[in-house]
Amino acid sequence: MVLLVVDAQKAITNEKLYQFEKFTANVKLLIKTARKNKIEVIYVRHDDGPGCELTKGQEGFEIYDEFRPINGEQIFDKNVNSAFKGTGLLEYLKNKEESDIIVVGLQTDYCIDATIKCGFEHGFRMMVPEYANTTVDNVFIDGETSYTYYNSNFALE
């Protein structure tokens, strides 16, 4: 089992997120509990490319301070919604013979959704703790409705 922290980066982990305080408290607790129980914590960062705030080399690209990796924890970088596409994460997990992934992070309706679906397609058991993913309002739907819709549909067997 691993804890996968997706896109919890400085530029986008802020009070604009639905249930920000509950989200950060839950993710911090999950990271602390995983480390205490020797469950590997793995991070994924999103890179939007040159000229963007979410780009390698920019402060906003780095992991949110309260979730910061320690002791050489693995970090994989991506440039699409799925944490598995072209990042090396899939191969890393398969080589370690992992089968269970706890997924937390941002954003519910984009990278969390894509990562969960792709992980499931690759044969992983994907677990999504309550209020450990979140999103912002967009032009079509508010963050609360988006969170509720996706989390009620994450039950994959």
N, C-alpha and C. Protein backbone atom coordinates (compact mmCIF):
# COMPACT_ATOMS: atom_id res chain seq x y z
N MET A 1 0.84 -1.18 0.00
CA MET A 1 0.00 0.00 0.00
C MET A 1 0.89 1.24 0.00
N VAL A 2 0.44 2.26 -0.75
CA VAL A 2 1.12 3.56 -0.78
C VAL A 2 0.09 4.66 -0.63
N LEU A 3 0.56 5.81 -0.16
CA LEU A 3 -0.25 7.03 -0.12
C LEU A 3 0.26 7.92 -1.24
N LEU A 4 -0.61 8.24 -2.19
CA LEU A 4 -0.26 9.05 -3.35
C LEU A 4 -0.84 10.45 -3.16
N VAL A 5 0.04 11.45 -3.06
CA VAL A 5 -0.36 12.84 -2.86
C VAL A 5 -0.23 13.55 -4.21
N VAL A 6 -1.37 13.88 -4.81
CA VAL A 6 -1.41 14.39 -6.18
C VAL A 6 -1.58 15.92 -6.20
N ASP A 7 -0.65 16.58 -6.85
CA ASP A 7 -0.74 18.01 -7.19
C ASP A 7 -0.99 18.95 -6.02
N ALA A 8 -0.57 18.59 -4.84
CA ALA A 8 -0.71 19.47 -3.68
C ALA A 8 0.46 20.45 -3.69
N GLN A 9 0.38 21.40 -4.61
CA GLN A 9 1.47 22.32 -4.88
C GLN A 9 1.14 23.72 -4.35
N LYS A 10 2.18 24.47 -4.06
CA LYS A 10 2.03 25.78 -3.43
C LYS A 10 1.12 26.73 -4.20
N ALA A 11 1.17 26.74 -5.51
CA ALA A 11 0.40 27.69 -6.30
C ALA A 11 -1.10 27.45 -6.23
N ILE A 12 -1.50 26.22 -5.94
CA ILE A 12 -2.94 25.91 -6.01
C ILE A 12 -3.52 25.35 -4.71
N THR A 13 -2.71 25.15 -3.70
CA THR A 13 -3.22 24.67 -2.41
C THR A 13 -3.46 25.90 -1.55
N ASN A 14 -4.70 26.39 -1.57
CA ASN A 14 -5.03 27.64 -0.87
C ASN A 14 -6.52 27.67 -0.49
N GLU A 15 -6.93 28.75 0.12
CA GLU A 15 -8.28 28.89 0.66
C GLU A 15 -9.38 28.91 -0.40
N LYS A 16 -9.04 28.99 -1.67
CA LYS A 16 -10.05 28.93 -2.73
C LYS A 16 -10.65 27.53 -2.87
N LEU A 17 -9.97 26.54 -2.32
CA LEU A 17 -10.42 25.15 -2.41
C LEU A 17 -11.61 24.89 -1.50
N TYR A 18 -12.52 24.07 -1.96
CA TYR A 18 -13.66 23.67 -1.16
C TYR A 18 -13.17 22.94 0.09
N GLN A 19 -13.69 23.36 1.26
CA GLN A 19 -13.36 22.76 2.56
C GLN A 19 -11.83 22.70 2.79
N PHE A 20 -11.15 23.81 2.49
CA PHE A 20 -9.69 23.88 2.57
C PHE A 20 -9.16 23.39 3.92
N GLU A 21 -9.70 23.88 5.01
CA GLU A 21 -9.18 23.52 6.34
C GLU A 21 -9.35 22.03 6.62
N LYS A 22 -10.51 21.50 6.29
CA LYS A 22 -10.77 20.08 6.51
C LYS A 22 -9.86 19.24 5.62
N PHE A 23 -9.71 19.67 4.37
CA PHE A 23 -8.82 18.98 3.43
C PHE A 23 -7.38 18.93 3.94
N THR A 24 -6.82 20.09 4.32
CA THR A 24 -5.42 20.11 4.75
C THR A 24 -5.24 19.31 6.04
N ALA A 25 -6.18 19.42 6.97
CA ALA A 25 -6.07 18.64 8.21
C ALA A 25 -6.08 17.14 7.92
N ASN A 26 -6.97 16.71 7.04
CA ASN A 26 -7.07 15.27 6.73
C ASN A 26 -5.83 14.77 6.00
N VAL A 27 -5.33 15.53 5.05
CA VAL A 27 -4.14 15.10 4.31
C VAL A 27 -2.92 15.05 5.24
N LYS A 28 -2.77 16.05 6.10
CA LYS A 28 -1.66 16.03 7.06
C LYS A 28 -1.74 14.79 7.96
N LEU A 29 -2.94 14.48 8.42
CA LEU A 29 -3.12 13.31 9.28
C LEU A 29 -2.81 12.02 8.52
N LEU A 30 -3.25 11.93 7.28
CA LEU A 30 -2.97 10.73 6.47
C LEU A 30 -1.47 10.57 6.22
N ILE A 31 -0.79 11.66 5.92
CA ILE A 31 0.66 11.59 5.70
C ILE A 31 1.36 11.16 6.98
N LYS A 32 1.00 11.77 8.09
CA LYS A 32 1.60 11.42 9.39
C LYS A 32 1.36 9.95 9.73
N THR A 33 0.13 9.50 9.54
CA THR A 33 -0.24 8.11 9.85
C THR A 33 0.47 7.13 8.93
N ALA A 34 0.57 7.48 7.64
CA ALA A 34 1.28 6.61 6.70
C ALA A 34 2.74 6.46 7.12
N ARG A 35 3.39 7.56 7.39
CA ARG A 35 4.80 7.50 7.79
C ARG A 35 4.98 6.69 9.07
N LYS A 36 4.11 6.90 10.04
CA LYS A 36 4.18 6.18 11.31
C LYS A 36 4.04 4.67 11.10
N ASN A 37 3.23 4.29 10.11
CA ASN A 37 2.97 2.88 9.84
C ASN A 37 3.81 2.33 8.69
N LYS A 38 4.85 3.08 8.32
CA LYS A 38 5.79 2.65 7.27
C LYS A 38 5.10 2.39 5.93
N ILE A 39 4.08 3.18 5.65
CA ILE A 39 3.43 3.17 4.33
C ILE A 39 4.11 4.27 3.52
N GLU A 40 4.59 3.91 2.36
CA GLU A 40 5.32 4.87 1.53
C GLU A 40 4.41 6.01 1.08
N VAL A 41 4.92 7.24 1.20
CA VAL A 41 4.23 8.42 0.71
C VAL A 41 4.92 8.85 -0.58
N ILE A 42 4.13 8.94 -1.64
CA ILE A 42 4.64 9.31 -2.96
C ILE A 42 3.92 10.57 -3.41
N TYR A 43 4.68 11.49 -4.00
CA TYR A 43 4.12 12.77 -4.45
C TYR A 43 4.13 12.85 -5.97
N VAL A 44 3.12 13.55 -6.48
CA VAL A 44 3.04 13.84 -7.91
C VAL A 44 2.84 15.35 -8.04
N ARG A 45 3.62 15.96 -8.94
CA ARG A 45 3.48 17.40 -9.21
C ARG A 45 3.06 17.58 -10.67
N HIS A 46 2.23 18.59 -10.89
CA HIS A 46 1.80 18.92 -12.25
C HIS A 46 2.65 20.05 -12.81
N ASP A 47 3.12 19.88 -14.03
CA ASP A 47 3.93 20.88 -14.72
C ASP A 47 3.16 21.36 -15.95
N ASP A 48 2.75 22.65 -15.94
CA ASP A 48 2.01 23.22 -17.06
C ASP A 48 2.91 23.70 -18.19
N GLY A 49 4.22 23.70 -17.98
CA GLY A 49 5.15 24.12 -19.02
C GLY A 49 5.66 25.54 -18.82
N PRO A 50 6.62 25.92 -19.64
CA PRO A 50 7.27 27.24 -19.52
C PRO A 50 6.28 28.39 -19.51
N GLY A 51 6.57 29.36 -18.65
CA GLY A 51 5.75 30.56 -18.58
C GLY A 51 4.56 30.45 -17.64
N CYS A 52 4.40 29.31 -17.00
CA CYS A 52 3.27 29.10 -16.09
C CYS A 52 3.77 29.00 -14.65
N GLU A 53 2.88 29.28 -13.72
CA GLU A 53 3.26 29.20 -12.31
C GLU A 53 3.54 27.77 -11.87
N LEU A 54 2.83 26.82 -12.47
CA LEU A 54 3.07 25.40 -12.17
C LEU A 54 4.10 24.85 -13.15
N THR A 55 5.31 25.33 -13.03
CA THR A 55 6.41 24.91 -13.88
C THR A 55 7.64 24.70 -13.03
N LYS A 56 8.34 23.61 -13.32
CA LYS A 56 9.58 23.32 -12.58
C LYS A 56 10.45 24.57 -12.55
N GLY A 57 10.95 24.89 -11.36
CA GLY A 57 11.77 26.07 -11.18
C GLY A 57 11.01 27.23 -10.56
N GLN A 58 9.69 27.20 -10.63
CA GLN A 58 8.86 28.23 -10.01
C GLN A 58 8.48 27.80 -8.60
N GLU A 59 8.38 28.75 -7.68
CA GLU A 59 8.03 28.44 -6.29
C GLU A 59 6.67 27.75 -6.20
N GLY A 60 5.72 28.16 -7.02
CA GLY A 60 4.39 27.57 -6.99
C GLY A 60 4.34 26.11 -7.40
N PHE A 61 5.36 25.65 -8.07
CA PHE A 61 5.45 24.25 -8.53
C PHE A 61 5.74 23.29 -7.38
N GLU A 62 6.38 23.79 -6.33
CA GLU A 62 6.82 22.93 -5.22
C GLU A 62 5.64 22.44 -4.38
N ILE A 63 5.87 21.35 -3.68
CA ILE A 63 4.85 20.76 -2.81
C ILE A 63 4.48 21.74 -1.70
N TYR A 64 3.20 21.83 -1.40
CA TYR A 64 2.67 22.66 -0.32
C TYR A 64 3.45 22.37 0.96
N ASP A 65 3.89 23.41 1.64
CA ASP A 65 4.78 23.26 2.80
C ASP A 65 4.27 22.29 3.87
N GLU A 66 2.99 22.31 4.16
CA GLU A 66 2.45 21.46 5.23
C GLU A 66 2.41 19.97 4.86
N PHE A 67 2.62 19.67 3.59
CA PHE A 67 2.63 18.27 3.13
C PHE A 67 4.02 17.85 2.66
N ARG A 68 4.99 18.68 2.84
CA ARG A 68 6.34 18.53 2.30
C ARG A 68 6.92 17.12 2.45
N PRO A 69 7.52 16.60 1.38
CA PRO A 69 8.19 15.29 1.46
C PRO A 69 9.39 15.33 2.41
N ILE A 70 9.68 14.19 3.01
CA ILE A 70 10.86 14.07 3.87
C ILE A 70 11.63 12.82 3.50
N ASN A 71 12.87 12.76 3.93
CA ASN A 71 13.70 11.56 3.82
C ASN A 71 13.70 10.92 2.43
N GLY A 72 13.78 11.72 1.40
CA GLY A 72 13.88 11.18 0.05
C GLY A 72 12.62 10.54 -0.50
N GLU A 73 11.47 10.92 0.01
CA GLU A 73 10.22 10.36 -0.53
C GLU A 73 10.13 10.68 -2.02
N GLN A 74 9.61 9.74 -2.77
CA GLN A 74 9.56 9.83 -4.23
C GLN A 74 8.64 10.95 -4.71
N ILE A 75 9.08 11.65 -5.76
CA ILE A 75 8.28 12.68 -6.43
C ILE A 75 8.29 12.38 -7.92
N PHE A 76 7.11 12.34 -8.52
CA PHE A 76 6.97 12.14 -9.95
C PHE A 76 6.31 13.39 -10.53
N ASP A 77 6.80 13.83 -11.69
CA ASP A 77 6.24 15.01 -12.34
C ASP A 77 5.44 14.58 -13.57
N LYS A 78 4.35 15.30 -13.81
CA LYS A 78 3.48 14.98 -14.94
C LYS A 78 3.09 16.26 -15.67
N ASN A 79 2.56 16.10 -16.87
CA ASN A 79 2.07 17.25 -17.62
C ASN A 79 0.69 17.00 -18.22
N VAL A 80 0.03 15.94 -17.75
CA VAL A 80 -1.35 15.64 -18.12
C VAL A 80 -2.10 15.31 -16.82
N ASN A 81 -3.40 15.08 -16.91
CA ASN A 81 -4.20 14.84 -15.70
C ASN A 81 -3.82 13.57 -14.95
N SER A 82 -3.54 12.49 -15.64
CA SER A 82 -3.25 11.23 -14.97
C SER A 82 -1.82 11.19 -14.42
N ALA A 83 -1.71 10.76 -13.17
CA ALA A 83 -0.38 10.60 -12.55
C ALA A 83 0.39 9.43 -13.15
N PHE A 84 -0.28 8.59 -13.93
CA PHE A 84 0.35 7.39 -14.47
C PHE A 84 0.93 7.57 -15.86
N LYS A 85 0.46 8.54 -16.63
CA LYS A 85 0.87 8.67 -18.02
C LYS A 85 2.24 9.32 -18.16
N GLY A 86 3.22 8.52 -18.56
CA GLY A 86 4.54 9.04 -18.89
C GLY A 86 5.35 9.57 -17.72
N THR A 87 5.02 9.18 -16.49
CA THR A 87 5.72 9.72 -15.33
C THR A 87 6.72 8.74 -14.72
N GLY A 88 6.56 7.46 -15.01
CA GLY A 88 7.37 6.43 -14.37
C GLY A 88 6.71 5.86 -13.12
N LEU A 89 5.61 6.48 -12.69
CA LEU A 89 4.91 6.01 -11.49
C LEU A 89 4.37 4.60 -11.67
N LEU A 90 3.77 4.32 -12.79
CA LEU A 90 3.20 2.99 -13.05
C LEU A 90 4.28 1.92 -12.93
N GLU A 91 5.39 2.13 -13.58
CA GLU A 91 6.49 1.16 -13.55
C GLU A 91 7.05 1.01 -12.14
N TYR A 92 7.18 2.14 -11.44
CA TYR A 92 7.67 2.13 -10.07
C TYR A 92 6.79 1.26 -9.18
N LEU A 93 5.48 1.47 -9.25
CA LEU A 93 4.55 0.72 -8.42
C LEU A 93 4.48 -0.75 -8.81
N LYS A 94 4.53 -1.04 -10.11
CA LYS A 94 4.51 -2.43 -10.57
C LYS A 94 5.78 -3.16 -10.11
N ASN A 95 6.93 -2.50 -10.21
CA ASN A 95 8.19 -3.10 -9.76
C ASN A 95 8.18 -3.40 -8.27
N LYS A 96 7.48 -2.59 -7.50
CA LYS A 96 7.38 -2.81 -6.05
C LYS A 96 6.24 -3.77 -5.71
N GLU A 97 5.52 -4.22 -6.74
CA GLU A 97 4.37 -5.12 -6.58
C GLU A 97 3.31 -4.54 -5.65
N GLU A 98 3.09 -3.24 -5.78
CA GLU A 98 2.03 -2.58 -5.02
C GLU A 98 0.69 -2.88 -5.68
N SER A 99 -0.35 -2.98 -4.87
CA SER A 99 -1.67 -3.21 -5.43
C SER A 99 -2.70 -2.22 -4.89
N ASP A 100 -2.41 -1.59 -3.76
CA ASP A 100 -3.36 -0.68 -3.12
C ASP A 100 -2.79 0.73 -3.07
N ILE A 101 -3.59 1.69 -3.53
CA ILE A 101 -3.17 3.09 -3.54
C ILE A 101 -4.23 3.94 -2.86
N ILE A 102 -3.80 4.70 -1.87
CA ILE A 102 -4.66 5.71 -1.24
C ILE A 102 -4.35 7.01 -1.96
N VAL A 103 -5.38 7.65 -2.53
CA VAL A 103 -5.18 8.85 -3.34
C VAL A 103 -5.73 10.07 -2.61
N VAL A 104 -4.90 11.12 -2.50
CA VAL A 104 -5.32 12.38 -1.91
C VAL A 104 -4.78 13.51 -2.78
N GLY A 105 -5.36 14.70 -2.66
CA GLY A 105 -4.80 15.86 -3.35
C GLY A 105 -5.78 16.64 -4.19
N LEU A 106 -5.25 17.21 -5.27
CA LEU A 106 -5.98 18.16 -6.11
C LEU A 106 -5.99 17.72 -7.57
N GLN A 107 -6.83 18.21 -8.32
CA GLN A 107 -8.15 18.70 -8.06
C GLN A 107 -9.11 17.58 -8.34
N THR A 108 -10.15 17.49 -7.54
CA THR A 108 -11.11 16.40 -7.60
C THR A 108 -11.56 16.10 -9.02
N ASP A 109 -11.97 17.13 -9.74
CA ASP A 109 -12.59 16.97 -11.05
C ASP A 109 -11.60 16.88 -12.21
N TYR A 110 -10.33 16.96 -11.93
CA TYR A 110 -9.33 16.87 -12.98
C TYR A 110 -8.35 15.72 -12.69
N CYS A 111 -7.28 16.01 -12.01
CA CYS A 111 -6.21 15.03 -11.84
C CYS A 111 -6.54 13.91 -10.87
N ILE A 112 -7.36 14.17 -9.86
CA ILE A 112 -7.77 13.08 -8.97
C ILE A 112 -8.65 12.10 -9.74
N ASP A 113 -9.63 12.62 -10.44
CA ASP A 113 -10.53 11.77 -11.24
C ASP A 113 -9.73 10.93 -12.25
N ALA A 114 -8.86 11.57 -13.01
CA ALA A 114 -8.08 10.86 -14.04
C ALA A 114 -7.13 9.83 -13.41
N THR A 115 -6.49 10.18 -12.32
CA THR A 115 -5.56 9.27 -11.67
C THR A 115 -6.28 8.05 -11.12
N ILE A 116 -7.42 8.25 -10.51
CA ILE A 116 -8.19 7.12 -9.97
C ILE A 116 -8.64 6.19 -11.09
N LYS A 117 -9.19 6.74 -12.14
CA LYS A 117 -9.66 5.91 -13.25
C LYS A 117 -8.51 5.17 -13.93
N CYS A 118 -7.40 5.84 -14.16
CA CYS A 118 -6.25 5.18 -14.78
C CYS A 118 -5.64 4.13 -13.87
N GLY A 119 -5.55 4.42 -12.59
CA GLY A 119 -5.04 3.44 -11.64
C GLY A 119 -5.90 2.19 -11.63
N PHE A 120 -7.19 2.38 -11.62
CA PHE A 120 -8.13 1.26 -11.66
C PHE A 120 -7.92 0.44 -12.93
N GLU A 121 -7.76 1.11 -14.06
CA GLU A 121 -7.54 0.42 -15.34
C GLU A 121 -6.24 -0.38 -15.34
N HIS A 122 -5.26 0.05 -14.55
CA HIS A 122 -3.99 -0.67 -14.45
C HIS A 122 -4.01 -1.75 -13.37
N GLY A 123 -5.16 -1.97 -12.77
CA GLY A 123 -5.31 -3.07 -11.83
C GLY A 123 -5.07 -2.74 -10.37
N PHE A 124 -4.92 -1.47 -10.05
CA PHE A 124 -4.72 -1.08 -8.66
C PHE A 124 -6.06 -0.95 -7.94
N ARG A 125 -6.03 -1.19 -6.66
CA ARG A 125 -7.19 -0.92 -5.81
C ARG A 125 -7.02 0.53 -5.35
N MET A 126 -7.90 1.39 -5.78
CA MET A 126 -7.80 2.83 -5.52
C MET A 126 -8.72 3.21 -4.36
N MET A 127 -8.14 3.80 -3.32
CA MET A 127 -8.91 4.21 -2.14
C MET A 127 -8.87 5.73 -2.03
N VAL A 128 -10.03 6.32 -1.75
CA VAL A 128 -10.17 7.76 -1.70
C VAL A 128 -10.77 8.16 -0.36
N PRO A 129 -9.94 8.59 0.60
CA PRO A 129 -10.47 9.00 1.89
C PRO A 129 -11.35 10.25 1.78
N GLU A 130 -12.33 10.31 2.64
CA GLU A 130 -13.26 11.44 2.64
C GLU A 130 -12.54 12.74 2.98
N TYR A 131 -12.87 13.79 2.26
CA TYR A 131 -12.32 15.14 2.43
C TYR A 131 -10.80 15.17 2.40
N ALA A 132 -10.22 14.33 1.56
CA ALA A 132 -8.77 14.34 1.35
C ALA A 132 -8.45 14.67 -0.10
N ASN A 133 -9.48 15.11 -0.84
CA ASN A 133 -9.31 15.70 -2.17
C ASN A 133 -10.26 16.87 -2.23
N THR A 134 -9.97 17.81 -3.10
CA THR A 134 -10.82 18.99 -3.19
C THR A 134 -10.60 19.69 -4.53
N THR A 135 -11.39 20.73 -4.75
CA THR A 135 -11.30 21.49 -5.99
C THR A 135 -11.84 22.89 -5.76
N VAL A 136 -11.81 23.69 -6.81
CA VAL A 136 -12.30 25.06 -6.76
C VAL A 136 -13.56 25.18 -7.61
N ASP A 137 -14.26 26.28 -7.44
CA ASP A 137 -15.39 26.58 -8.32
C ASP A 137 -14.86 26.76 -9.73
N ASN A 138 -15.64 26.32 -10.72
CA ASN A 138 -15.29 26.62 -12.11
C ASN A 138 -16.49 27.27 -12.78
N VAL A 139 -16.41 27.56 -14.05
CA VAL A 139 -17.48 28.29 -14.72
C VAL A 139 -18.77 27.47 -14.83
N PHE A 140 -18.70 26.16 -14.64
CA PHE A 140 -19.86 25.31 -14.80
C PHE A 140 -20.47 24.83 -13.48
N ILE A 141 -19.62 24.68 -12.45
CA ILE A 141 -20.08 24.03 -11.23
C ILE A 141 -19.24 24.51 -10.05
N ASP A 142 -19.87 24.63 -8.89
CA ASP A 142 -19.11 25.08 -7.72
C ASP A 142 -18.32 23.91 -7.13
N GLY A 143 -17.32 24.22 -6.33
CA GLY A 143 -16.43 23.21 -5.76
C GLY A 143 -17.15 22.17 -4.93
N GLU A 144 -18.14 22.60 -4.14
CA GLU A 144 -18.87 21.66 -3.30
C GLU A 144 -19.64 20.63 -4.13
N THR A 145 -20.33 21.09 -5.15
CA THR A 145 -21.08 20.17 -6.01
C THR A 145 -20.14 19.24 -6.75
N SER A 146 -19.04 19.76 -7.24
CA SER A 146 -18.06 18.94 -7.93
C SER A 146 -17.49 17.88 -7.00
N TYR A 147 -17.08 18.29 -5.79
CA TYR A 147 -16.55 17.34 -4.81
C TYR A 147 -17.58 16.24 -4.53
N THR A 148 -18.81 16.63 -4.26
CA THR A 148 -19.86 15.66 -3.92
C THR A 148 -20.13 14.71 -5.08
N TYR A 149 -20.24 15.24 -6.27
CA TYR A 149 -20.51 14.41 -7.45
C TYR A 149 -19.39 13.38 -7.65
N TYR A 150 -18.16 13.83 -7.69
CA TYR A 150 -17.05 12.90 -7.97
C TYR A 150 -16.84 11.91 -6.83
N ASN A 151 -16.92 12.36 -5.61
CA ASN A 151 -16.69 11.44 -4.50
C ASN A 151 -17.79 10.42 -4.33
N SER A 152 -18.99 10.74 -4.75
CA SER A 152 -20.06 9.74 -4.68
C SER A 152 -19.93 8.75 -5.82
N ASN A 153 -19.12 9.07 -6.81
CA ASN A 153 -18.93 8.18 -7.96
C ASN A 153 -17.55 7.51 -7.99
N PHE A 154 -16.73 7.71 -6.95
CA PHE A 154 -15.40 7.10 -6.92
C PHE A 154 -15.42 5.64 -6.49
N ALA A 155 -16.55 5.12 -6.14
CA ALA A 155 -16.63 3.74 -5.66
C ALA A 155 -16.40 2.77 -6.81
N LEU A 156 -15.16 2.41 -7.03
CA LEU A 156 -14.79 1.49 -8.10
C LEU A 156 -14.44 0.15 -7.50
N GLU A 157 -14.95 -0.91 -8.07
CA GLU A 157 -14.65 -2.24 -7.53
C GLU A 157 -13.99 -3.09 -8.60
